[in-house]
Amino acid sequence: MRIRAIPLVVGLYFASGLQTAQACVCSEPVVSDREEASAEFQAAAVVFEGELLPGGHYISSWNGKPSLSMIPFRVTRSYKGASGEVLEVYDAHAGTDCGFGAPIPGTRFFVYGFRGEDGKIYIQACSRTTSLDAAGTDIRFARNDPPTKEDLAPPVNAAFPEIHDWNTLRIILSRSGCYGRCPAYKIEIHGDGTVLYDGKNNVTHKGRRTAKISHASLVELVDFFRKANYFSLRDRYASGITDNPAYETSISFDGVSQSVLDYVGQSVGMPSTVSDVEAAIDRLSGASKWVGRKRAE
């Protein structure tokens, strides 16, 4: 379930591109996904499915950084307000954590556009705009299809359980290859501190290695999962972008478990704390010395 965003300390004038925010603080959802999709549909000026076209560019900057960009879409299906085959949409948060980013032309999106004071159509910070394959709830609402049980489910905010038996703890990180030279490997960490590494491709050390880490490092690592509110996350954050590496993390203990797939996840609403968990596993396991290469972001 995506979350509605509240830009933090924003002073913004659409016509000029003036911007003072560099980060977003997002509120937790308080209604079902279906209700949230309904509210955003009603608020938006245009709602459509579209394919990102080449030719997007920055229009203005603030304090030496991009602040306003134009994003061209080919409209493949309009649900509200989008007339014509091509529509220019603007991002007034370009260059910040609130921005649309720089996805690859050809990527397909479900877009909510909002009209600015200058008459242009803008993407709001952290709105429900997302890749088409992650927009099931929005598509079903827009097409007036019956909702699924997941669409109607209340927001979940599952507390992170206390670990009673550390010997049952298993933490896993796997990173796949990509169209390039992304390191591919797997790390598994046990509750007694045992680290199992399996290097596959584009790493300094291929094959299996073992190591041991302290209980203090384990506690620190589990705290990253806790800070990420890991048991309240979706199990999959996958963009429609192709040829990128996939990262998957998981944690299990005392008979409970959770896993999260990250495929360019932050472009479809994945919290940055999931990336923090991934990086913490690399660092605290000590496996970085076997990987040896800087990961392709």
C-alpha atoms as a PDB file:
ATOM      1  CA  MET A   1       0.000   0.000   0.000  1.00  0.00           C
ATOM      2  CA  ARG A   2       1.412   3.332  -1.011  1.00  0.00           C
ATOM      3  CA  ILE A   3       1.467   6.321   1.287  1.00  0.00           C
ATOM      4  CA  ARG A   4       0.329   9.876   0.813  1.00  0.00           C
ATOM      5  CA  ALA A   5       3.154  12.368   1.085  1.00  0.00           C
ATOM      6  CA  ILE A   6       3.516  15.584   3.016  1.00  0.00           C
ATOM      7  CA  PRO A   7       6.477  17.575   1.622  1.00  0.00           C
ATOM      8  CA  LEU A   8       8.645  18.812   4.475  1.00  0.00           C
ATOM      9  CA  VAL A   9       9.184  22.593   4.668  1.00  0.00           C
ATOM     10  CA  VAL A  10       8.175  23.331   1.102  1.00  0.00           C
ATOM     11  CA  GLY A  11       7.975  26.838  -0.325  1.00  0.00           C
ATOM     12  CA  LEU A  12       6.998  26.329  -3.936  1.00  0.00           C
ATOM     13  CA  TYR A  13       5.606  28.469  -6.745  1.00  0.00           C
ATOM     14  CA  PHE A  14       4.803  26.351  -9.789  1.00  0.00           C
ATOM     15  CA  ALA A  15       5.369  29.107 -12.300  1.00  0.00           C
ATOM     16  CA  SER A  16       8.845  29.992 -11.099  1.00  0.00           C
ATOM     17  CA  GLY A  17      10.094  26.655  -9.845  1.00  0.00           C
ATOM     18  CA  LEU A  18      11.163  28.167  -6.527  1.00  0.00           C
ATOM     19  CA  GLN A  19      11.709  25.323  -4.070  1.00  0.00           C
ATOM     20  CA  THR A  20      13.001  25.019  -0.525  1.00  0.00           C
ATOM     21  CA  ALA A  21      12.372  21.338   0.217  1.00  0.00           C
ATOM     22  CA  GLN A  22      14.982  18.643  -0.249  1.00  0.00           C
ATOM     23  CA  ALA A  23      13.209  15.702   1.402  1.00  0.00           C
ATOM     24  CA  CYS A  24       9.769  14.226   1.953  1.00  0.00           C
ATOM     25  CA  VAL A  25       8.027  13.072   5.086  1.00  0.00           C
ATOM     26  CA  CYS A  26       5.182  10.704   4.247  1.00  0.00           C
ATOM     27  CA  SER A  27       2.202  10.014   6.446  1.00  0.00           C
ATOM     28  CA  GLU A  28       1.038   6.488   7.156  1.00  0.00           C
ATOM     29  CA  PRO A  29      -2.182   5.519   5.318  1.00  0.00           C
ATOM     30  CA  VAL A  30      -5.326   5.760   7.417  1.00  0.00           C
ATOM     31  CA  VAL A  31      -7.784   4.242   4.922  1.00  0.00           C
ATOM     32  CA  SER A  32      -7.810   1.227   2.613  1.00  0.00           C
ATOM     33  CA  ASP A  33      -5.935   1.250  -0.682  1.00  0.00           C
ATOM     34  CA  ARG A  34      -9.247   1.445  -2.571  1.00  0.00           C
ATOM     35  CA  GLU A  35     -10.385   4.474  -0.580  1.00  0.00           C
ATOM     36  CA  GLU A  36      -7.032   6.174  -1.081  1.00  0.00           C
ATOM     37  CA  ALA A  37      -7.179   5.542  -4.838  1.00  0.00           C
ATOM     38  CA  SER A  38     -10.711   6.962  -4.912  1.00  0.00           C
ATOM     39  CA  ALA A  39      -9.665  10.127  -3.066  1.00  0.00           C
ATOM     40  CA  GLU A  40      -6.688  10.724  -5.348  1.00  0.00           C
ATOM     41  CA  PHE A  41      -8.769  10.072  -8.464  1.00  0.00           C
ATOM     42  CA  GLN A  42     -11.299  12.685  -7.354  1.00  0.00           C
ATOM     43  CA  ALA A  43      -8.600  15.238  -6.526  1.00  0.00           C
ATOM     44  CA  ALA A  44      -6.550  14.834  -9.710  1.00  0.00           C
ATOM     45  CA  ALA A  45      -7.126  16.910 -12.834  1.00  0.00           C
ATOM     46  CA  VAL A  46      -5.969  14.108 -15.129  1.00  0.00           C
ATOM     47  CA  VAL A  47      -5.662  10.353 -14.619  1.00  0.00           C
ATOM     48  CA  PHE A  48      -4.205   8.130 -17.323  1.00  0.00           C
ATOM     49  CA  GLU A  49      -2.042   5.191 -18.262  1.00  0.00           C
ATOM     50  CA  GLY A  50       0.942   6.326 -20.258  1.00  0.00           C
ATOM     51  CA  GLU A  51       4.312   5.439 -21.709  1.00  0.00           C
ATOM     52  CA  LEU A  52       7.282   7.660 -20.874  1.00  0.00           C
ATOM     53  CA  LEU A  53       8.663   9.281 -24.022  1.00  0.00           C
ATOM     54  CA  PRO A  54      12.185  10.550 -24.756  1.00  0.00           C
ATOM     55  CA  GLY A  55      12.724  14.289 -24.539  1.00  0.00           C
ATOM     56  CA  GLY A  56      12.180  14.963 -20.849  1.00  0.00           C
ATOM     57  CA  HIS A  57      14.406  17.737 -19.556  1.00  0.00           C
ATOM     58  CA  TYR A  58      15.094  20.127 -16.686  1.00  0.00           C
ATOM     59  CA  ILE A  59      13.590  23.575 -17.129  1.00  0.00           C
ATOM     60  CA  SER A  60      14.907  25.507 -14.149  1.00  0.00           C
ATOM     61  CA  SER A  61      17.139  25.143 -11.130  1.00  0.00           C
ATOM     62  CA  TRP A  62      17.268  26.452  -7.580  1.00  0.00           C
ATOM     63  CA  ASN A  63      20.430  26.853  -5.516  1.00  0.00           C
ATOM     64  CA  GLY A  64      22.423  25.119  -8.238  1.00  0.00           C
ATOM     65  CA  LYS A  65      20.173  22.036  -8.340  1.00  0.00           C
ATOM     66  CA  PRO A  66      17.377  21.019 -10.735  1.00  0.00           C
ATOM     67  CA  SER A  67      13.968  22.062  -9.447  1.00  0.00           C
ATOM     68  CA  LEU A  68      11.514  21.862 -12.357  1.00  0.00           C
ATOM     69  CA  SER A  69      11.429  19.271 -15.108  1.00  0.00           C
ATOM     70  CA  MET A  70       9.130  18.374 -17.994  1.00  0.00           C
ATOM     71  CA  ILE A  71       8.147  14.715 -18.470  1.00  0.00           C
ATOM     72  CA  PRO A  72       6.455  13.747 -21.757  1.00  0.00           C
ATOM     73  CA  PHE A  73       4.007  10.838 -21.834  1.00  0.00           C
ATOM     74  CA  ARG A  74       2.207   9.046 -24.629  1.00  0.00           C
ATOM     75  CA  VAL A  75      -1.307   8.558 -23.255  1.00  0.00           C
ATOM     76  CA  THR A  76      -2.353   4.951 -23.831  1.00  0.00           C
ATOM     77  CA  ARG A  77      -5.603   5.108 -21.859  1.00  0.00           C
ATOM     78  CA  SER A  78      -7.270   8.160 -20.352  1.00  0.00           C
ATOM     79  CA  TYR A  79      -9.588   7.904 -17.372  1.00  0.00           C
ATOM     80  CA  LYS A  80     -10.001  11.586 -16.611  1.00  0.00           C
ATOM     81  CA  GLY A  81      -9.060  14.840 -18.296  1.00  0.00           C
ATOM     82  CA  ALA A  82      -6.214  13.653 -20.542  1.00  0.00           C
ATOM     83  CA  SER A  83      -7.065  14.556 -24.135  1.00  0.00           C
ATOM     84  CA  GLY A  84      -4.657  14.026 -26.985  1.00  0.00           C
ATOM     85  CA  GLU A  85      -2.012  11.394 -27.611  1.00  0.00           C
ATOM     86  CA  VAL A  86       0.901  13.187 -25.914  1.00  0.00           C
ATOM     87  CA  LEU A  87       0.781  15.009 -22.580  1.00  0.00           C
ATOM     88  CA  GLU A  88       3.532  17.050 -20.941  1.00  0.00           C
ATOM     89  CA  VAL A  89       3.604  16.598 -17.182  1.00  0.00           C
ATOM     90  CA  TYR A  90       5.812  18.657 -14.849  1.00  0.00           C
ATOM     91  CA  ASP A  91       7.759  17.723 -11.732  1.00  0.00           C
ATOM     92  CA  ALA A  92       8.324  20.689  -9.406  1.00  0.00           C
ATOM     93  CA  HIS A  93      10.442  18.564  -7.030  1.00  0.00           C
ATOM     94  CA  ALA A  94      13.070  17.431  -9.539  1.00  0.00           C
ATOM     95  CA  GLY A  95      16.429  16.739  -7.967  1.00  0.00           C
ATOM     96  CA  THR A  96      14.986  16.000  -4.504  1.00  0.00           C
ATOM     97  CA  ASP A  97      13.753  12.901  -2.676  1.00  0.00           C
ATOM     98  CA  CYS A  98      10.223  14.076  -3.525  1.00  0.00           C
ATOM     99  CA  GLY A  99      10.854  14.032  -7.266  1.00  0.00           C
ATOM    100  CA  PHE A 100       9.749  11.675 -10.033  1.00  0.00           C
ATOM    101  CA  GLY A 101      13.316  10.585 -10.732  1.00  0.00           C
ATOM    102  CA  ALA A 102      14.671   9.676 -14.155  1.00  0.00           C
ATOM    103  CA  PRO A 103      13.042   6.446 -15.366  1.00  0.00           C
ATOM    104  CA  ILE A 104      13.875   4.996 -18.764  1.00  0.00           C
ATOM    105  CA  PRO A 105      11.785   6.053 -21.795  1.00  0.00           C
ATOM    106  CA  GLY A 106       9.356   3.284 -22.670  1.00  0.00           C
ATOM    107  CA  THR A 107       8.470   2.620 -19.022  1.00  0.00           C
ATOM    108  CA  ARG A 108       4.696   2.532 -18.534  1.00  0.00           C
ATOM    109  CA  PHE A 109       3.029   4.394 -15.668  1.00  0.00           C
ATOM    110  CA  PHE A 110      -0.334   5.026 -14.064  1.00  0.00           C
ATOM    111  CA  VAL A 111      -0.319   8.809 -13.618  1.00  0.00           C
ATOM    112  CA  TYR A 112      -2.252  11.195 -11.401  1.00  0.00           C
ATOM    113  CA  GLY A 113      -1.749  14.781 -12.581  1.00  0.00           C
ATOM    114  CA  PHE A 114      -2.706  17.943 -10.687  1.00  0.00           C
ATOM    115  CA  ARG A 115      -3.169  21.376 -12.226  1.00  0.00           C
ATOM    116  CA  GLY A 116      -0.803  24.075 -10.988  1.00  0.00           C
ATOM    117  CA  GLU A 117      -1.454  27.793 -10.688  1.00  0.00           C
ATOM    118  CA  ASP A 118       0.250  28.251 -14.057  1.00  0.00           C
ATOM    119  CA  GLY A 119      -2.215  25.871 -15.748  1.00  0.00           C
ATOM    120  CA  LYS A 120       0.330  23.110 -16.259  1.00  0.00           C
ATOM    121  CA  ILE A 121      -0.166  19.518 -15.077  1.00  0.00           C
ATOM    122  CA  TYR A 122       2.116  18.426 -12.229  1.00  0.00           C
ATOM    123  CA  ILE A 123       2.947  15.172 -10.491  1.00  0.00           C
ATOM    124  CA  GLN A 124       2.631  15.652  -6.741  1.00  0.00           C
ATOM    125  CA  ALA A 125       5.352  14.540  -4.350  1.00  0.00           C
ATOM    126  CA  CYS A 126       5.034  10.836  -3.464  1.00  0.00           C
ATOM    127  CA  SER A 127       1.561  10.569  -4.941  1.00  0.00           C
ATOM    128  CA  ARG A 128       0.030   7.294  -6.105  1.00  0.00           C
ATOM    129  CA  THR A 129       1.628   7.741  -9.529  1.00  0.00           C
ATOM    130  CA  THR A 130       3.526   4.510 -10.057  1.00  0.00           C
ATOM    131  CA  SER A 131       4.662   1.989 -12.647  1.00  0.00           C
ATOM    132  CA  LEU A 132       1.777   0.250 -14.363  1.00  0.00           C
ATOM    133  CA  ASP A 133       2.597  -3.194 -12.963  1.00  0.00           C
ATOM    134  CA  ALA A 134       2.349  -1.812  -9.406  1.00  0.00           C
ATOM    135  CA  ALA A 135      -0.944   0.041  -9.981  1.00  0.00           C
ATOM    136  CA  GLY A 136      -3.438  -2.799  -9.670  1.00  0.00           C
ATOM    137  CA  THR A 137      -5.655  -1.071  -7.109  1.00  0.00           C
ATOM    138  CA  ASP A 138      -5.692   2.172  -9.105  1.00  0.00           C
ATOM    139  CA  ILE A 139      -6.448   0.422 -12.392  1.00  0.00           C
ATOM    140  CA  ARG A 140      -9.302  -1.559 -10.869  1.00  0.00           C
ATOM    141  CA  PHE A 141     -10.817   1.603  -9.393  1.00  0.00           C
ATOM    142  CA  ALA A 142     -10.397   3.640 -12.580  1.00  0.00           C
ATOM    143  CA  ARG A 143     -11.994   0.867 -14.662  1.00  0.00           C
ATOM    144  CA  ASN A 144     -14.764   0.374 -12.108  1.00  0.00           C
ATOM    145  CA  ASP A 145     -13.702  -3.253 -11.649  1.00  0.00           C
ATOM    146  CA  PRO A 146     -14.549  -5.085  -8.407  1.00  0.00           C
ATOM    147  CA  PRO A 147     -11.942  -4.531  -5.663  1.00  0.00           C
ATOM    148  CA  THR A 148      -9.852  -7.383  -4.308  1.00  0.00           C
ATOM    149  CA  LYS A 149      -9.649  -8.229  -0.621  1.00  0.00           C
ATOM    150  CA  GLU A 150      -6.224  -6.578  -0.549  1.00  0.00           C
ATOM    151  CA  ASP A 151      -7.705  -3.365  -2.012  1.00  0.00           C
ATOM    152  CA  LEU A 152     -10.213  -3.179   0.836  1.00  0.00           C
ATOM    153  CA  ALA A 153      -7.898  -4.273   3.638  1.00  0.00           C
ATOM    154  CA  PRO A 154      -7.274  -1.698   6.378  1.00  0.00           C
ATOM    155  CA  PRO A 155      -3.728  -0.323   6.686  1.00  0.00           C
ATOM    156  CA  VAL A 156      -1.334  -2.639   8.460  1.00  0.00           C
ATOM    157  CA  ASN A 157       1.120  -1.388  11.014  1.00  0.00           C
ATOM    158  CA  ALA A 158       2.570  -4.582  12.420  1.00  0.00           C
ATOM    159  CA  ALA A 159       4.816  -4.131  15.434  1.00  0.00           C
ATOM    160  CA  PHE A 160       8.279  -5.656  15.177  1.00  0.00           C
ATOM    161  CA  PRO A 161       8.282  -8.679  17.533  1.00  0.00           C
ATOM    162  CA  GLU A 162      10.888  -9.171  20.208  1.00  0.00           C
ATOM    163  CA  ILE A 163      13.315 -12.023  19.525  1.00  0.00           C
ATOM    164  CA  HIS A 164      13.059 -14.674  22.208  1.00  0.00           C
ATOM    165  CA  ASP A 165      15.312 -17.362  20.751  1.00  0.00           C
ATOM    166  CA  TRP A 166      18.261 -15.845  18.915  1.00  0.00           C
ATOM    167  CA  ASN A 167      19.296 -19.284  17.668  1.00  0.00           C
ATOM    168  CA  THR A 168      16.242 -19.250  15.366  1.00  0.00           C
ATOM    169  CA  LEU A 169      17.294 -15.999  13.689  1.00  0.00           C
ATOM    170  CA  ARG A 170      18.013 -16.056   9.944  1.00  0.00           C
ATOM    171  CA  ILE A 171      18.733 -12.946   7.898  1.00  0.00           C
ATOM    172  CA  ILE A 172      19.221 -13.204   4.132  1.00  0.00           C
ATOM    173  CA  LEU A 173      20.223 -10.757   1.421  1.00  0.00           C
ATOM    174  CA  SER A 174      20.452 -11.756  -2.236  1.00  0.00           C
ATOM    175  CA  ARG A 175      21.468  -9.473  -5.069  1.00  0.00           C
ATOM    176  CA  SER A 176      20.973 -10.503  -8.693  1.00  0.00           C
ATOM    177  CA  GLY A 177      22.896  -9.533 -11.779  1.00  0.00           C
ATOM    178  CA  CYS A 178      21.757  -6.977 -14.327  1.00  0.00           C
ATOM    179  CA  TYR A 179      22.373  -5.902 -17.897  1.00  0.00           C
ATOM    180  CA  GLY A 180      25.905  -4.867 -17.016  1.00  0.00           C
ATOM    181  CA  ARG A 181      28.352  -5.847 -14.291  1.00  0.00           C
ATOM    182  CA  CYS A 182      26.265  -5.742 -11.127  1.00  0.00           C
ATOM    183  CA  PRO A 183      27.646  -8.021  -8.388  1.00  0.00           C
ATOM    184  CA  ALA A 184      25.478 -11.106  -7.823  1.00  0.00           C
ATOM    185  CA  TYR A 185      25.739 -12.865  -4.474  1.00  0.00           C
ATOM    186  CA  LYS A 186      23.872 -14.119  -1.420  1.00  0.00           C
ATOM    187  CA  ILE A 187      24.509 -13.557   2.291  1.00  0.00           C
ATOM    188  CA  GLU A 188      22.888 -15.597   5.049  1.00  0.00           C
ATOM    189  CA  ILE A 189      23.374 -14.715   8.714  1.00  0.00           C
ATOM    190  CA  HIS A 190      22.454 -17.024  11.601  1.00  0.00           C
ATOM    191  CA  GLY A 191      21.575 -16.126  15.160  1.00  0.00           C
ATOM    192  CA  ASP A 192      24.849 -17.512  16.493  1.00  0.00           C
ATOM    193  CA  GLY A 193      26.745 -15.010  14.332  1.00  0.00           C
ATOM    194  CA  THR A 194      27.609 -17.372  11.488  1.00  0.00           C
ATOM    195  CA  VAL A 195      27.827 -15.676   8.094  1.00  0.00           C
ATOM    196  CA  LEU A 196      27.458 -17.714   4.901  1.00  0.00           C
ATOM    197  CA  TYR A 197      28.431 -16.023   1.640  1.00  0.00           C
ATOM    198  CA  ASP A 198      27.941 -17.325  -1.890  1.00  0.00           C
ATOM    199  CA  GLY A 199      29.480 -15.178  -4.623  1.00  0.00           C
ATOM    200  CA  LYS A 200      28.132 -15.776  -8.115  1.00  0.00           C
ATOM    201  CA  ASN A 201      29.150 -13.135 -10.663  1.00  0.00           C
ATOM    202  CA  ASN A 202      31.054  -9.843 -10.842  1.00  0.00           C
ATOM    203  CA  VAL A 203      32.506 -10.241  -7.348  1.00  0.00           C
ATOM    204  CA  THR A 204      36.089 -10.481  -6.124  1.00  0.00           C
ATOM    205  CA  HIS A 205      35.521 -13.901  -4.536  1.00  0.00           C
ATOM    206  CA  LYS A 206      33.225 -16.379  -6.270  1.00  0.00           C
ATOM    207  CA  GLY A 207      31.919 -19.383  -4.404  1.00  0.00           C
ATOM    208  CA  ARG A 208      31.322 -19.901  -0.706  1.00  0.00           C
ATOM    209  CA  ARG A 209      32.959 -18.201   2.265  1.00  0.00           C
ATOM    210  CA  THR A 210      32.135 -18.263   5.977  1.00  0.00           C
ATOM    211  CA  ALA A 211      32.745 -15.834   8.824  1.00  0.00           C
ATOM    212  CA  LYS A 212      31.543 -14.998  12.319  1.00  0.00           C
ATOM    213  CA  ILE A 213      30.191 -11.716  13.660  1.00  0.00           C
ATOM    214  CA  SER A 214      29.499 -10.600  17.216  1.00  0.00           C
ATOM    215  CA  HIS A 215      26.141 -10.615  18.960  1.00  0.00           C
ATOM    216  CA  ALA A 216      26.414  -6.826  19.182  1.00  0.00           C
ATOM    217  CA  SER A 217      26.568  -6.685  15.371  1.00  0.00           C
ATOM    218  CA  LEU A 218      23.495  -8.919  15.180  1.00  0.00           C
ATOM    219  CA  VAL A 219      21.583  -6.647  17.537  1.00  0.00           C
ATOM    220  CA  GLU A 220      22.596  -3.604  15.479  1.00  0.00           C
ATOM    221  CA  LEU A 221      21.496  -5.328  12.274  1.00  0.00           C
ATOM    222  CA  VAL A 222      18.099  -6.341  13.680  1.00  0.00           C
ATOM    223  CA  ASP A 223      17.613  -2.732  14.741  1.00  0.00           C
ATOM    224  CA  PHE A 224      17.793  -1.688  11.066  1.00  0.00           C
ATOM    225  CA  PHE A 225      14.883  -4.042  10.362  1.00  0.00           C
ATOM    226  CA  ARG A 226      12.982  -2.586  13.320  1.00  0.00           C
ATOM    227  CA  LYS A 227      13.561   1.009  12.178  1.00  0.00           C
ATOM    228  CA  ALA A 228      12.271   0.040   8.720  1.00  0.00           C
ATOM    229  CA  ASN A 229       9.009  -1.200  10.305  1.00  0.00           C
ATOM    230  CA  TYR A 230       9.858  -4.288   8.290  1.00  0.00           C
ATOM    231  CA  PHE A 231       6.818  -6.403   9.144  1.00  0.00           C
ATOM    232  CA  SER A 232       4.508  -3.637   7.890  1.00  0.00           C
ATOM    233  CA  LEU A 233       6.127  -3.436   4.445  1.00  0.00           C
ATOM    234  CA  ARG A 234       4.748  -4.865   1.225  1.00  0.00           C
ATOM    235  CA  ASP A 235       6.536  -8.030   0.142  1.00  0.00           C
ATOM    236  CA  ARG A 236       7.281  -6.630  -3.311  1.00  0.00           C
ATOM    237  CA  TYR A 237       8.315  -3.209  -4.646  1.00  0.00           C
ATOM    238  CA  ALA A 238       8.923  -3.709  -8.354  1.00  0.00           C
ATOM    239  CA  SER A 239       9.245  -1.060 -11.055  1.00  0.00           C
ATOM    240  CA  GLY A 240       8.457  -1.605 -14.730  1.00  0.00           C
ATOM    241  CA  ILE A 241      12.023  -0.584 -15.618  1.00  0.00           C
ATOM    242  CA  THR A 242      14.041  -3.400 -17.225  1.00  0.00           C
ATOM    243  CA  ASP A 243      17.637  -4.690 -16.965  1.00  0.00           C
ATOM    244  CA  ASN A 244      18.235  -3.626 -13.362  1.00  0.00           C
ATOM    245  CA  PRO A 245      19.387  -5.799 -10.438  1.00  0.00           C
ATOM    246  CA  ALA A 246      16.870  -7.236  -7.976  1.00  0.00           C
ATOM    247  CA  TYR A 247      17.570  -7.245  -4.233  1.00  0.00           C
ATOM    248  CA  GLU A 248      15.693  -9.426  -1.777  1.00  0.00           C
ATOM    249  CA  THR A 249      15.960  -9.356   2.001  1.00  0.00           C
ATOM    250  CA  SER A 250      14.306 -11.554   4.580  1.00  0.00           C
ATOM    251  CA  ILE A 251      14.278 -12.105   8.319  1.00  0.00           C
ATOM    252  CA  SER A 252      12.843 -14.996  10.322  1.00  0.00           C
ATOM    253  CA  PHE A 253      12.845 -15.922  14.003  1.00  0.00           C
ATOM    254  CA  ASP A 254      10.580 -17.554  16.564  1.00  0.00           C
ATOM    255  CA  GLY A 255       8.308 -18.870  13.810  1.00  0.00           C
ATOM    256  CA  VAL A 256       7.642 -15.482  12.153  1.00  0.00           C
ATOM    257  CA  SER A 257       9.112 -14.304   8.859  1.00  0.00           C
ATOM    258  CA  GLN A 258       8.962 -11.510   6.313  1.00  0.00           C
ATOM    259  CA  SER A 259      10.701 -10.865   2.984  1.00  0.00           C
ATOM    260  CA  VAL A 260      10.857  -7.824   0.714  1.00  0.00           C
ATOM    261  CA  LEU A 261      11.765  -7.753  -2.977  1.00  0.00           C
ATOM    262  CA  ASP A 262      13.354  -4.491  -4.141  1.00  0.00           C
ATOM    263  CA  TYR A 263      13.463  -3.969  -7.908  1.00  0.00           C
ATOM    264  CA  VAL A 264      14.175  -0.262  -8.335  1.00  0.00           C
ATOM    265  CA  GLY A 265      11.785  -0.125  -5.402  1.00  0.00           C
ATOM    266  CA  GLN A 266      12.092   3.504  -4.403  1.00  0.00           C
ATOM    267  CA  SER A 267      10.613   4.509  -7.775  1.00  0.00           C
ATOM    268  CA  VAL A 268       7.359   2.769  -6.783  1.00  0.00           C
ATOM    269  CA  GLY A 269       7.060   3.909  -3.187  1.00  0.00           C
ATOM    270  CA  MET A 270       9.476   1.678  -1.294  1.00  0.00           C
ATOM    271  CA  PRO A 271      10.771   3.418   1.847  1.00  0.00           C
ATOM    272  CA  SER A 272      14.485   4.252   1.744  1.00  0.00           C
ATOM    273  CA  THR A 273      14.886   2.343   5.017  1.00  0.00           C
ATOM    274  CA  VAL A 274      14.694  -0.896   2.993  1.00  0.00           C
ATOM    275  CA  SER A 275      17.861   0.161   1.164  1.00  0.00           C
ATOM    276  CA  ASP A 276      19.354   0.923   4.586  1.00  0.00           C
ATOM    277  CA  VAL A 277      18.612  -2.681   5.638  1.00  0.00           C
ATOM    278  CA  GLU A 278      20.310  -4.013   2.499  1.00  0.00           C
ATOM    279  CA  ALA A 279      23.402  -1.864   3.048  1.00  0.00           C
ATOM    280  CA  ALA A 280      23.558  -2.814   6.738  1.00  0.00           C
ATOM    281  CA  ILE A 281      23.600  -6.527   5.868  1.00  0.00           C
ATOM    282  CA  ASP A 282      26.496  -5.940   3.476  1.00  0.00           C
ATOM    283  CA  ARG A 283      28.429  -3.914   6.030  1.00  0.00           C
ATOM    284  CA  LEU A 284      27.770  -5.725   9.307  1.00  0.00           C
ATOM    285  CA  SER A 285      28.179  -9.212   7.837  1.00  0.00           C
ATOM    286  CA  GLY A 286      31.670  -8.318   6.673  1.00  0.00           C
ATOM    287  CA  ALA A 287      30.857  -9.671   3.206  1.00  0.00           C
ATOM    288  CA  SER A 288      31.931  -6.467   1.474  1.00  0.00           C
ATOM    289  CA  LYS A 289      35.524  -7.759   1.429  1.00  0.00           C
ATOM    290  CA  TRP A 290      34.392 -10.714  -0.699  1.00  0.00           C
ATOM    291  CA  VAL A 291      32.154  -8.703  -2.988  1.00  0.00           C
ATOM    292  CA  GLY A 292      34.964  -6.259  -3.640  1.00  0.00           C
ATOM    293  CA  ARG A 293      33.152  -4.177  -6.250  1.00  0.00           C
ATOM    294  CA  LYS A 294      31.127  -1.030  -5.787  1.00  0.00           C
ATOM    295  CA  ARG A 295      27.513  -1.915  -6.470  1.00  0.00           C
ATOM    296  CA  ALA A 296      25.808  -0.324  -9.441  1.00  0.00           C
ATOM    297  CA  GLU A 297      23.014   1.888  -8.066  1.00  0.00           C
END
